[in-house]
């Protein structure tokens, strides 16, 4: 039976698209709160919502054949229970530069500890890359260059943004070296020179 709004418009197309917008692979089970991370938005869902949007999962043996109950019927597992078993994470963090799923480690007292089988879900989402004319960034780069020369420590956000737009190998070298103020200035100025040659004074 199709639902409709007050004017009688059928919503079958909307229903189909909505049902497909949340899939099993979109979720991870956050075990400390027993809730479920919807990866596209990083929001936490209750089990009832996950089960309402994702159909029960048919279980299989290791050889791929379906598991059957005593009556010969296929055995199903609720989506939330399947996630608890096969896609759990122990912690949440916000860590730029790391993958969404940080495997085989945990965070304790400000550092990592290695623990096989554990996982951390990284809430950080890299910014979308927008195509454009690099030359149009001149005024922005000029502003960062002036601020870093005047207040190099306060302007740490400036060097981080510029360094993050270099190739990954350069980024790792640049941003690790920039932990001290003098290295930070050198890193930023090199990045500015690469992104916009001629913007800095000779």
N, C-alpha and C. Protein backbone atom coordinates (compact mmCIF):
# COMPACT_ATOMS: atom_id res chain seq x y z
N UNK A 1 0.86 -1.20 0.00
CA UNK A 1 0.00 0.00 0.00
C UNK A 1 0.89 1.24 0.00
N UNK A 2 0.62 2.18 -0.90
CA UNK A 2 1.44 3.37 -1.03
C UNK A 2 0.91 4.49 -0.15
N UNK A 3 1.86 5.19 0.46
CA UNK A 3 1.47 6.33 1.26
C UNK A 3 1.25 7.54 0.37
N UNK A 4 0.56 8.54 0.88
CA UNK A 4 0.35 9.76 0.11
C UNK A 4 0.25 10.95 1.03
N UNK A 5 0.43 12.14 0.48
CA UNK A 5 0.28 13.36 1.25
C UNK A 5 -1.18 13.80 1.15
N UNK A 6 -1.51 14.95 1.75
CA UNK A 6 -2.89 15.40 1.81
C UNK A 6 -3.55 15.56 0.45
N UNK A 7 -2.73 15.93 -0.57
CA UNK A 7 -3.32 16.13 -1.89
C UNK A 7 -3.42 14.84 -2.70
N UNK A 8 -3.05 13.73 -2.06
CA UNK A 8 -3.17 12.44 -2.73
C UNK A 8 -1.96 12.04 -3.55
N UNK A 9 -0.90 12.84 -3.53
CA UNK A 9 0.29 12.52 -4.32
C UNK A 9 0.95 11.26 -3.78
N UNK A 10 1.26 10.33 -4.66
CA UNK A 10 1.91 9.11 -4.24
C UNK A 10 3.39 9.36 -3.98
N UNK A 11 3.92 8.64 -2.98
CA UNK A 11 5.31 8.83 -2.57
C UNK A 11 6.15 7.59 -2.83
N UNK A 12 5.71 6.75 -3.75
CA UNK A 12 6.44 5.49 -3.95
C UNK A 12 7.88 5.74 -4.38
N UNK A 13 8.13 6.72 -5.26
CA UNK A 13 9.49 7.00 -5.69
C UNK A 13 10.33 7.50 -4.54
N UNK A 14 9.76 8.41 -3.74
CA UNK A 14 10.48 8.94 -2.59
C UNK A 14 10.80 7.83 -1.60
N UNK A 15 9.83 6.93 -1.36
CA UNK A 15 10.04 5.83 -0.43
C UNK A 15 11.21 4.96 -0.88
N UNK A 16 11.29 4.68 -2.17
CA UNK A 16 12.35 3.81 -2.69
C UNK A 16 13.72 4.45 -2.51
N UNK A 17 13.83 5.74 -2.82
CA UNK A 17 15.11 6.42 -2.68
C UNK A 17 15.50 6.53 -1.22
N UNK A 18 14.54 6.82 -0.34
CA UNK A 18 14.82 6.97 1.08
C UNK A 18 15.31 5.67 1.68
N UNK A 19 14.69 4.56 1.27
CA UNK A 19 15.07 3.26 1.82
C UNK A 19 16.50 2.90 1.45
N UNK A 20 16.98 3.37 0.30
CA UNK A 20 18.33 3.05 -0.16
C UNK A 20 19.38 4.00 0.38
N UNK A 21 18.98 5.07 1.03
CA UNK A 21 19.94 6.08 1.46
C UNK A 21 20.71 5.67 2.71
N UNK A 22 20.27 4.66 3.43
CA UNK A 22 20.97 4.14 4.59
C UNK A 22 21.18 2.65 4.38
N UNK A 23 22.45 2.24 4.28
CA UNK A 23 22.79 0.85 4.02
C UNK A 23 23.61 0.29 5.17
N UNK A 24 23.69 -1.01 5.24
CA UNK A 24 24.42 -1.66 6.32
C UNK A 24 25.86 -1.16 6.40
N UNK A 25 26.51 -0.99 5.24
CA UNK A 25 27.91 -0.58 5.22
C UNK A 25 28.11 0.87 5.66
N UNK A 26 27.03 1.62 5.85
CA UNK A 26 27.13 2.99 6.33
C UNK A 26 27.32 3.08 7.84
N UNK A 27 27.17 1.97 8.55
CA UNK A 27 27.11 2.01 10.01
C UNK A 27 28.27 1.26 10.66
N UNK A 28 28.62 1.76 11.86
CA UNK A 28 29.54 1.08 12.77
C UNK A 28 28.91 1.08 14.15
N UNK A 29 29.16 0.03 14.92
CA UNK A 29 28.61 -0.07 16.28
C UNK A 29 29.59 0.57 17.26
N UNK A 30 29.13 1.62 17.95
CA UNK A 30 29.95 2.27 18.98
C UNK A 30 29.61 1.62 20.32
N UNK A 31 30.47 0.71 20.76
CA UNK A 31 30.13 -0.18 21.86
C UNK A 31 29.98 0.49 23.23
N UNK A 32 30.76 1.53 23.59
CA UNK A 32 30.58 2.11 24.92
C UNK A 32 29.17 2.64 25.18
N UNK A 33 28.50 3.12 24.14
CA UNK A 33 27.13 3.62 24.31
C UNK A 33 26.08 2.71 23.67
N UNK A 34 26.56 1.66 23.00
CA UNK A 34 25.67 0.75 22.26
C UNK A 34 24.75 1.53 21.34
N UNK A 35 25.37 2.40 20.57
CA UNK A 35 24.68 3.14 19.53
C UNK A 35 25.47 2.96 18.24
N UNK A 36 24.96 3.53 17.15
CA UNK A 36 25.48 3.19 15.83
C UNK A 36 25.83 4.45 15.05
N UNK A 37 27.08 4.50 14.59
CA UNK A 37 27.59 5.67 13.87
C UNK A 37 27.15 5.58 12.42
N UNK A 38 26.41 6.59 11.97
CA UNK A 38 26.07 6.72 10.55
C UNK A 38 27.23 7.47 9.90
N UNK A 39 28.10 6.72 9.22
CA UNK A 39 29.37 7.27 8.76
C UNK A 39 29.25 8.51 7.88
N UNK A 40 28.26 8.60 6.97
CA UNK A 40 28.21 9.79 6.11
C UNK A 40 28.06 11.11 6.87
N UNK A 41 27.38 11.10 8.03
CA UNK A 41 27.19 12.34 8.79
C UNK A 41 27.88 12.31 10.15
N UNK A 42 28.41 11.14 10.56
CA UNK A 42 29.05 10.95 11.87
C UNK A 42 28.06 11.04 13.04
N UNK A 43 26.79 10.93 12.77
CA UNK A 43 25.79 10.99 13.84
C UNK A 43 25.55 9.60 14.43
N UNK A 44 25.11 9.58 15.71
CA UNK A 44 24.81 8.33 16.40
C UNK A 44 23.32 8.01 16.31
N UNK A 45 23.02 6.80 15.93
CA UNK A 45 21.64 6.33 15.81
C UNK A 45 21.36 5.27 16.87
N UNK A 46 20.13 5.19 17.36
CA UNK A 46 19.75 4.07 18.24
C UNK A 46 19.54 2.80 17.42
N UNK A 47 19.58 1.66 18.09
CA UNK A 47 19.41 0.38 17.39
C UNK A 47 18.08 0.30 16.67
N UNK A 48 17.03 0.83 17.27
CA UNK A 48 15.71 0.75 16.65
C UNK A 48 15.68 1.46 15.30
N UNK A 49 16.38 2.58 15.18
CA UNK A 49 16.41 3.31 13.90
C UNK A 49 17.19 2.55 12.84
N UNK A 50 18.32 1.96 13.25
CA UNK A 50 19.10 1.16 12.30
C UNK A 50 18.27 0.00 11.78
N UNK A 51 17.61 -0.71 12.69
CA UNK A 51 16.81 -1.87 12.29
C UNK A 51 15.60 -1.48 11.45
N UNK A 52 15.11 -0.25 11.64
CA UNK A 52 13.98 0.21 10.83
C UNK A 52 14.39 0.52 9.40
N UNK A 53 15.65 0.89 9.20
CA UNK A 53 16.11 1.29 7.86
C UNK A 53 16.88 0.19 7.14
N UNK A 54 17.46 -0.76 7.89
CA UNK A 54 18.27 -1.81 7.28
C UNK A 54 17.62 -3.16 7.55
N UNK A 55 17.40 -3.92 6.51
CA UNK A 55 16.74 -5.23 6.65
C UNK A 55 17.60 -6.21 7.44
N UNK A 56 16.99 -7.19 8.09
CA UNK A 56 17.77 -8.23 8.79
C UNK A 56 18.75 -8.92 7.83
N UNK A 57 19.85 -9.38 8.37
CA UNK A 57 20.93 -9.95 7.57
C UNK A 57 20.85 -11.48 7.59
N UNK A 58 20.77 -12.13 6.44
CA UNK A 58 20.79 -13.60 6.42
C UNK A 58 22.18 -14.11 6.78
N UNK A 59 22.24 -15.06 7.69
CA UNK A 59 23.52 -15.60 8.14
C UNK A 59 23.99 -16.71 7.22
N UNK A 60 25.32 -16.85 7.14
CA UNK A 60 25.91 -17.84 6.26
C UNK A 60 26.99 -18.63 7.00
N UNK A 61 27.23 -19.84 6.53
CA UNK A 61 28.37 -20.62 7.01
C UNK A 61 29.64 -20.10 6.33
N UNK A 62 30.78 -20.57 6.80
CA UNK A 62 32.05 -20.10 6.23
C UNK A 62 32.19 -20.44 4.76
N UNK A 63 31.49 -21.47 4.29
CA UNK A 63 31.56 -21.83 2.88
C UNK A 63 30.57 -21.05 2.02
N UNK A 64 29.84 -20.10 2.65
CA UNK A 64 28.91 -19.27 1.91
C UNK A 64 27.49 -19.79 1.84
N UNK A 65 27.26 -20.98 2.32
CA UNK A 65 25.90 -21.54 2.31
C UNK A 65 25.09 -20.92 3.44
N UNK A 66 23.78 -20.75 3.25
CA UNK A 66 22.95 -20.11 4.28
C UNK A 66 22.79 -20.98 5.52
N UNK A 67 22.73 -20.33 6.66
CA UNK A 67 22.44 -21.05 7.90
C UNK A 67 20.93 -21.27 8.01
N UNK A 68 20.57 -22.49 8.39
CA UNK A 68 19.16 -22.84 8.49
C UNK A 68 18.81 -23.25 9.92
N UNK A 69 17.58 -22.96 10.33
CA UNK A 69 17.13 -23.41 11.64
C UNK A 69 16.57 -24.83 11.53
N UNK A 70 16.00 -25.33 12.63
CA UNK A 70 15.50 -26.70 12.66
C UNK A 70 14.39 -26.94 11.65
N UNK A 71 13.70 -25.88 11.26
CA UNK A 71 12.61 -26.01 10.29
C UNK A 71 13.08 -25.87 8.85
N UNK A 72 14.39 -25.69 8.68
CA UNK A 72 14.93 -25.53 7.33
C UNK A 72 14.80 -24.12 6.79
N UNK A 73 14.53 -23.15 7.67
CA UNK A 73 14.38 -21.75 7.25
C UNK A 73 15.69 -21.00 7.44
N UNK A 74 15.94 -20.05 6.56
CA UNK A 74 17.15 -19.23 6.67
C UNK A 74 17.12 -18.42 7.96
N UNK A 75 18.25 -18.39 8.66
CA UNK A 75 18.36 -17.65 9.92
C UNK A 75 18.79 -16.22 9.62
N UNK A 76 18.07 -15.26 10.20
CA UNK A 76 18.40 -13.85 10.01
C UNK A 76 18.84 -13.24 11.34
N UNK A 77 19.65 -12.19 11.24
CA UNK A 77 20.12 -11.44 12.42
C UNK A 77 19.74 -9.97 12.22
N UNK A 78 19.19 -9.31 13.25
CA UNK A 78 18.91 -7.87 13.10
C UNK A 78 20.18 -7.10 12.74
N UNK A 79 20.01 -6.05 11.96
CA UNK A 79 21.17 -5.28 11.49
C UNK A 79 22.01 -4.77 12.65
N UNK A 80 21.39 -4.30 13.72
CA UNK A 80 22.15 -3.78 14.85
C UNK A 80 22.99 -4.87 15.51
N UNK A 81 22.43 -6.06 15.64
CA UNK A 81 23.19 -7.17 16.24
C UNK A 81 24.36 -7.57 15.33
N UNK A 82 24.12 -7.55 14.00
CA UNK A 82 25.20 -7.86 13.06
C UNK A 82 26.33 -6.85 13.19
N UNK A 83 25.99 -5.57 13.31
CA UNK A 83 27.01 -4.53 13.47
C UNK A 83 27.77 -4.70 14.78
N UNK A 84 27.07 -5.05 15.85
CA UNK A 84 27.74 -5.29 17.13
C UNK A 84 28.82 -6.36 16.98
N UNK A 85 28.54 -7.35 16.19
CA UNK A 85 29.45 -8.50 16.07
C UNK A 85 30.56 -8.27 15.05
N UNK A 86 30.23 -7.64 13.94
CA UNK A 86 31.18 -7.59 12.82
C UNK A 86 31.75 -6.19 12.52
N UNK A 87 31.15 -5.12 13.04
CA UNK A 87 31.68 -3.77 12.77
C UNK A 87 31.69 -2.92 14.04
N UNK A 88 32.28 -3.43 15.13
CA UNK A 88 32.33 -2.64 16.37
C UNK A 88 33.54 -1.71 16.40
N UNK A 89 33.40 -0.59 17.10
CA UNK A 89 34.53 0.28 17.42
C UNK A 89 34.48 0.57 18.92
N UNK A 90 35.66 0.73 19.50
CA UNK A 90 35.74 0.94 20.94
C UNK A 90 35.78 2.41 21.34
N UNK A 91 36.24 3.27 20.42
CA UNK A 91 36.41 4.69 20.76
C UNK A 91 36.05 5.59 19.59
N UNK A 92 35.78 6.85 19.91
CA UNK A 92 35.63 7.91 18.92
C UNK A 92 36.73 8.93 19.14
N UNK A 93 37.21 9.54 18.05
CA UNK A 93 38.18 10.61 18.18
C UNK A 93 38.01 11.57 17.01
N UNK A 94 38.73 12.66 17.04
CA UNK A 94 38.78 13.63 15.93
C UNK A 94 40.25 13.84 15.64
N UNK A 95 40.72 13.27 14.52
CA UNK A 95 42.16 13.22 14.28
C UNK A 95 42.45 13.49 12.80
N UNK A 96 42.69 14.76 12.41
CA UNK A 96 43.00 15.08 11.02
C UNK A 96 44.21 14.30 10.52
N UNK A 97 44.11 13.85 9.27
CA UNK A 97 45.23 13.14 8.66
C UNK A 97 45.19 11.64 8.81
N UNK A 98 44.33 11.13 9.70
CA UNK A 98 44.21 9.69 9.89
C UNK A 98 42.97 9.17 9.14
N UNK A 99 42.92 7.87 8.82
CA UNK A 99 41.76 7.31 8.12
C UNK A 99 40.52 7.30 9.01
N UNK A 100 39.37 7.09 8.39
CA UNK A 100 38.13 7.06 9.14
C UNK A 100 38.14 5.96 10.20
N UNK A 101 38.67 4.82 9.86
CA UNK A 101 38.74 3.70 10.80
C UNK A 101 40.20 3.44 11.15
N UNK A 102 40.56 3.67 12.39
CA UNK A 102 41.94 3.51 12.87
C UNK A 102 42.00 2.17 13.60
N UNK A 103 42.59 1.17 12.94
CA UNK A 103 42.55 -0.20 13.44
C UNK A 103 43.74 -0.53 14.36
N UNK A 104 43.51 -1.50 15.24
CA UNK A 104 44.55 -2.12 16.07
C UNK A 104 45.23 -1.15 17.02
N UNK A 105 44.50 -0.14 17.48
CA UNK A 105 45.04 0.78 18.47
C UNK A 105 43.91 1.45 19.22
N UNK A 106 44.27 1.99 20.40
CA UNK A 106 43.34 2.73 21.23
C UNK A 106 44.05 3.98 21.74
N UNK A 107 43.28 4.91 22.25
CA UNK A 107 43.85 6.15 22.80
C UNK A 107 43.77 6.09 24.33
N UNK A 108 44.87 6.39 24.97
CA UNK A 108 44.90 6.41 26.43
C UNK A 108 45.90 7.47 26.89
N UNK A 109 45.44 8.37 27.75
CA UNK A 109 46.30 9.41 28.33
C UNK A 109 47.02 10.22 27.27
N UNK A 110 46.30 10.57 26.22
CA UNK A 110 46.86 11.46 25.20
C UNK A 110 47.73 10.78 24.16
N UNK A 111 47.85 9.47 24.18
CA UNK A 111 48.67 8.77 23.20
C UNK A 111 48.01 7.47 22.77
N UNK A 112 48.65 6.79 21.82
CA UNK A 112 48.12 5.53 21.31
C UNK A 112 48.70 4.35 22.08
N UNK A 113 47.89 3.34 22.26
CA UNK A 113 48.37 2.04 22.71
C UNK A 113 47.94 1.02 21.67
N UNK A 114 48.82 0.09 21.35
CA UNK A 114 48.52 -0.91 20.33
C UNK A 114 47.69 -2.03 20.95
N UNK A 115 46.60 -2.38 20.28
CA UNK A 115 45.73 -3.47 20.73
C UNK A 115 45.08 -4.10 19.51
N UNK A 116 45.56 -5.29 19.15
CA UNK A 116 45.07 -5.98 17.96
C UNK A 116 43.57 -6.25 18.08
N UNK A 117 42.86 -5.99 17.00
CA UNK A 117 41.43 -6.25 16.95
C UNK A 117 40.57 -5.08 17.38
N UNK A 118 41.15 -4.08 18.03
CA UNK A 118 40.40 -2.90 18.45
C UNK A 118 40.34 -1.89 17.31
N UNK A 119 39.45 -0.93 17.45
CA UNK A 119 39.32 0.09 16.39
C UNK A 119 38.80 1.39 16.98
N UNK A 120 39.25 2.49 16.38
CA UNK A 120 38.80 3.84 16.73
C UNK A 120 38.13 4.42 15.51
N UNK A 121 36.96 5.02 15.70
CA UNK A 121 36.30 5.70 14.58
C UNK A 121 36.71 7.16 14.62
N UNK A 122 37.24 7.64 13.49
CA UNK A 122 37.72 9.01 13.37
C UNK A 122 36.60 9.91 12.84
N UNK A 123 36.13 10.84 13.66
CA UNK A 123 35.04 11.73 13.28
C UNK A 123 35.46 12.82 12.29
N UNK A 124 36.77 13.01 12.12
CA UNK A 124 37.25 14.04 11.19
C UNK A 124 36.88 13.69 9.76
N UNK A 125 36.39 14.69 9.03
CA UNK A 125 36.09 14.53 7.61
C UNK A 125 36.93 15.52 6.83
N UNK A 126 37.78 15.05 5.91
CA UNK A 126 38.61 15.97 5.13
C UNK A 126 37.73 16.93 4.34
N UNK A 127 38.19 18.16 4.14
CA UNK A 127 37.40 19.11 3.36
C UNK A 127 37.28 18.67 1.91
N UNK A 128 36.18 19.03 1.29
CA UNK A 128 35.98 18.71 -0.12
C UNK A 128 36.95 19.53 -0.98
N UNK A 129 37.52 18.89 -1.97
CA UNK A 129 38.44 19.57 -2.89
C UNK A 129 37.62 20.32 -3.93
N UNK A 130 37.81 21.62 -4.01
CA UNK A 130 37.08 22.45 -4.96
C UNK A 130 38.05 22.90 -6.06
N UNK A 131 37.73 22.56 -7.29
CA UNK A 131 38.58 22.96 -8.41
C UNK A 131 38.46 24.47 -8.64
N UNK A 132 39.56 25.07 -9.03
CA UNK A 132 39.53 26.51 -9.28
C UNK A 132 40.88 27.00 -9.77
N UNK A 133 41.03 28.30 -9.84
CA UNK A 133 42.26 28.93 -10.31
C UNK A 133 43.16 29.22 -9.11
N UNK A 134 44.31 28.52 -8.97
CA UNK A 134 45.20 28.77 -7.83
C UNK A 134 45.65 30.22 -7.74
N UNK A 135 45.72 30.89 -8.88
CA UNK A 135 46.15 32.28 -8.85
C UNK A 135 45.19 33.19 -8.12
N UNK A 136 43.91 32.79 -8.03
CA UNK A 136 42.92 33.61 -7.35
C UNK A 136 43.09 33.58 -5.84
N UNK A 137 43.93 32.67 -5.33
CA UNK A 137 44.16 32.59 -3.89
C UNK A 137 45.20 33.60 -3.41
N UNK A 138 45.71 34.42 -4.31
CA UNK A 138 46.77 35.36 -3.95
C UNK A 138 46.48 36.21 -2.72
N UNK A 139 45.33 36.90 -2.65
CA UNK A 139 45.06 37.74 -1.47
C UNK A 139 45.04 36.95 -0.16
N UNK A 140 44.48 35.74 -0.19
CA UNK A 140 44.43 34.91 1.02
C UNK A 140 45.84 34.49 1.45
N UNK A 141 46.65 34.04 0.49
CA UNK A 141 48.02 33.64 0.80
C UNK A 141 48.85 34.83 1.29
N UNK A 142 48.60 35.98 0.71
CA UNK A 142 49.31 37.18 1.14
C UNK A 142 48.97 37.52 2.58
N UNK A 143 47.69 37.36 2.94
CA UNK A 143 47.26 37.61 4.32
C UNK A 143 47.95 36.67 5.30
N UNK A 144 48.02 35.37 4.96
CA UNK A 144 48.69 34.40 5.84
C UNK A 144 50.17 34.71 5.95
N UNK A 145 50.79 35.05 4.82
CA UNK A 145 52.22 35.35 4.84
C UNK A 145 52.53 36.52 5.77
N UNK A 146 51.70 37.57 5.72
CA UNK A 146 51.93 38.72 6.57
C UNK A 146 51.69 38.39 8.04
N UNK A 147 50.63 37.60 8.30
CA UNK A 147 50.32 37.29 9.70
C UNK A 147 51.37 36.39 10.32
N UNK A 148 51.92 35.44 9.55
CA UNK A 148 52.91 34.53 10.10
C UNK A 148 54.22 35.26 10.36
N UNK A 149 54.53 36.27 9.53
CA UNK A 149 55.76 37.02 9.75
C UNK A 149 55.64 37.93 10.97
N UNK A 150 54.42 38.39 11.24
CA UNK A 150 54.23 39.29 12.39
C UNK A 150 54.02 38.51 13.67
N UNK A 151 53.16 37.48 13.63
CA UNK A 151 52.85 36.70 14.83
C UNK A 151 52.96 35.22 14.48
N UNK A 152 54.17 34.67 14.40
CA UNK A 152 54.35 33.30 13.91
C UNK A 152 53.70 32.23 14.78
N UNK A 153 53.62 32.43 16.08
CA UNK A 153 53.08 31.38 16.94
C UNK A 153 51.56 31.41 16.92
N UNK A 154 50.97 32.60 16.99
CA UNK A 154 49.51 32.72 16.98
C UNK A 154 48.94 32.21 15.66
N UNK A 155 49.69 32.34 14.57
CA UNK A 155 49.17 31.99 13.25
C UNK A 155 49.41 30.53 12.88
N UNK A 156 49.46 29.63 13.86
CA UNK A 156 49.72 28.23 13.56
C UNK A 156 48.65 27.63 12.66
N UNK A 157 47.42 28.14 12.75
CA UNK A 157 46.36 27.61 11.89
C UNK A 157 46.68 27.89 10.43
N UNK A 158 47.32 29.01 10.16
CA UNK A 158 47.65 29.35 8.78
C UNK A 158 48.60 28.36 8.15
N UNK A 159 49.68 28.02 8.85
CA UNK A 159 50.62 27.06 8.25
C UNK A 159 49.99 25.69 8.11
N UNK A 160 49.11 25.32 9.04
CA UNK A 160 48.49 23.99 8.95
C UNK A 160 47.61 23.89 7.70
N UNK A 161 46.83 24.93 7.43
CA UNK A 161 45.94 24.91 6.28
C UNK A 161 46.75 24.82 4.99
N UNK A 162 47.79 25.60 4.88
CA UNK A 162 48.58 25.60 3.65
C UNK A 162 49.32 24.28 3.49
N UNK A 163 49.91 23.77 4.57
CA UNK A 163 50.64 22.51 4.47
C UNK A 163 49.73 21.37 4.08
N UNK A 164 48.48 21.39 4.55
CA UNK A 164 47.55 20.30 4.24
C UNK A 164 47.22 20.26 2.75
N UNK A 165 47.50 21.34 2.01
CA UNK A 165 47.19 21.37 0.59
C UNK A 165 48.38 20.96 -0.28
N UNK A 166 49.46 20.50 0.36
CA UNK A 166 50.58 19.96 -0.40
C UNK A 166 50.39 18.45 -0.57
N UNK A 167 51.18 17.81 -1.46
CA UNK A 167 51.15 16.35 -1.56
C UNK A 167 51.42 15.71 -0.21
N UNK A 168 50.89 14.49 0.03
CA UNK A 168 50.92 13.89 1.36
C UNK A 168 52.34 13.77 1.91
N UNK A 169 53.30 13.35 1.06
CA UNK A 169 54.66 13.20 1.55
C UNK A 169 55.21 14.51 2.06
N UNK A 170 54.96 15.59 1.30
CA UNK A 170 55.42 16.91 1.73
C UNK A 170 54.69 17.36 2.99
N UNK A 171 53.40 17.02 3.08
CA UNK A 171 52.62 17.41 4.25
C UNK A 171 53.17 16.78 5.50
N UNK A 172 53.48 15.47 5.44
CA UNK A 172 53.98 14.77 6.62
C UNK A 172 55.29 15.37 7.09
N UNK A 173 56.20 15.63 6.14
CA UNK A 173 57.48 16.21 6.49
C UNK A 173 57.31 17.62 7.04
N UNK A 174 56.49 18.40 6.35
CA UNK A 174 56.30 19.80 6.71
C UNK A 174 55.68 19.94 8.08
N UNK A 175 54.57 19.22 8.31
CA UNK A 175 53.82 19.43 9.54
C UNK A 175 54.49 18.82 10.75
N UNK A 176 55.29 17.78 10.56
CA UNK A 176 56.02 17.24 11.70
C UNK A 176 57.17 18.17 12.08
N UNK A 177 57.78 18.81 11.08
CA UNK A 177 58.89 19.72 11.37
C UNK A 177 58.41 21.02 11.99
N UNK A 178 57.13 21.32 11.79
CA UNK A 178 56.60 22.61 12.23
C UNK A 178 56.14 22.64 13.66
N UNK A 179 56.59 21.71 14.47
CA UNK A 179 56.16 21.69 15.86
C UNK A 179 56.80 22.82 16.67
N UNK A 180 57.86 23.35 16.18
CA UNK A 180 58.48 24.48 16.85
C UNK A 180 58.31 25.72 15.97
N UNK A 181 58.33 26.86 16.59
CA UNK A 181 57.97 28.09 15.88
C UNK A 181 58.88 28.36 14.69
N UNK A 182 60.17 28.17 14.83
CA UNK A 182 61.07 28.48 13.74
C UNK A 182 60.83 27.57 12.54
N UNK A 183 60.60 26.28 12.81
CA UNK A 183 60.32 25.35 11.72
C UNK A 183 58.97 25.65 11.09
N UNK A 184 58.02 26.11 11.90
CA UNK A 184 56.69 26.45 11.39
C UNK A 184 56.78 27.57 10.37
N UNK A 185 57.56 28.59 10.66
CA UNK A 185 57.71 29.72 9.73
C UNK A 185 58.32 29.23 8.42
N UNK A 186 59.37 28.43 8.53
CA UNK A 186 60.05 27.94 7.34
C UNK A 186 59.11 27.10 6.48
N UNK A 187 58.32 26.26 7.15
CA UNK A 187 57.37 25.40 6.44
C UNK A 187 56.36 26.23 5.67
N UNK A 188 55.77 27.22 6.32
CA UNK A 188 54.75 28.03 5.68
C UNK A 188 55.30 28.81 4.50
N UNK A 189 56.44 29.41 4.68
CA UNK A 189 57.01 30.22 3.61
C UNK A 189 57.34 29.36 2.40
N UNK A 190 57.83 28.13 2.62
CA UNK A 190 58.08 27.24 1.51
C UNK A 190 56.78 26.89 0.78
N UNK A 191 55.74 26.64 1.56
CA UNK A 191 54.45 26.29 0.96
C UNK A 191 53.90 27.44 0.14
N UNK A 192 53.99 28.65 0.69
CA UNK A 192 53.50 29.81 -0.02
C UNK A 192 54.27 30.01 -1.33
N UNK A 193 55.58 29.80 -1.28
CA UNK A 193 56.37 29.98 -2.48
C UNK A 193 55.99 28.97 -3.55
N UNK A 194 55.60 27.73 -3.14
CA UNK A 194 55.21 26.72 -4.11
C UNK A 194 53.84 27.00 -4.69
N UNK A 195 52.92 27.46 -3.82
CA UNK A 195 51.54 27.67 -4.28
C UNK A 195 51.37 28.95 -5.10
N UNK A 196 52.15 29.95 -4.76
CA UNK A 196 52.00 31.22 -5.47
C UNK A 196 53.38 31.87 -5.62
N UNK A 197 54.17 31.42 -6.57
CA UNK A 197 55.50 32.00 -6.77
C UNK A 197 55.41 33.50 -6.99
N UNK A 198 56.30 34.22 -6.33
CA UNK A 198 56.36 35.66 -6.51
C UNK A 198 55.53 36.44 -5.53
N UNK A 199 54.71 35.74 -4.68
CA UNK A 199 53.88 36.49 -3.75
C UNK A 199 54.68 37.03 -2.58
N UNK A 200 55.78 36.38 -2.23
CA UNK A 200 56.60 36.83 -1.12
C UNK A 200 57.71 37.75 -1.61
N UNK A 201 58.13 38.69 -0.77
CA UNK A 201 59.23 39.58 -1.17
C UNK A 201 60.53 38.81 -1.31
N UNK A 202 61.35 39.26 -2.24
CA UNK A 202 62.65 38.61 -2.45
C UNK A 202 63.57 38.87 -1.26
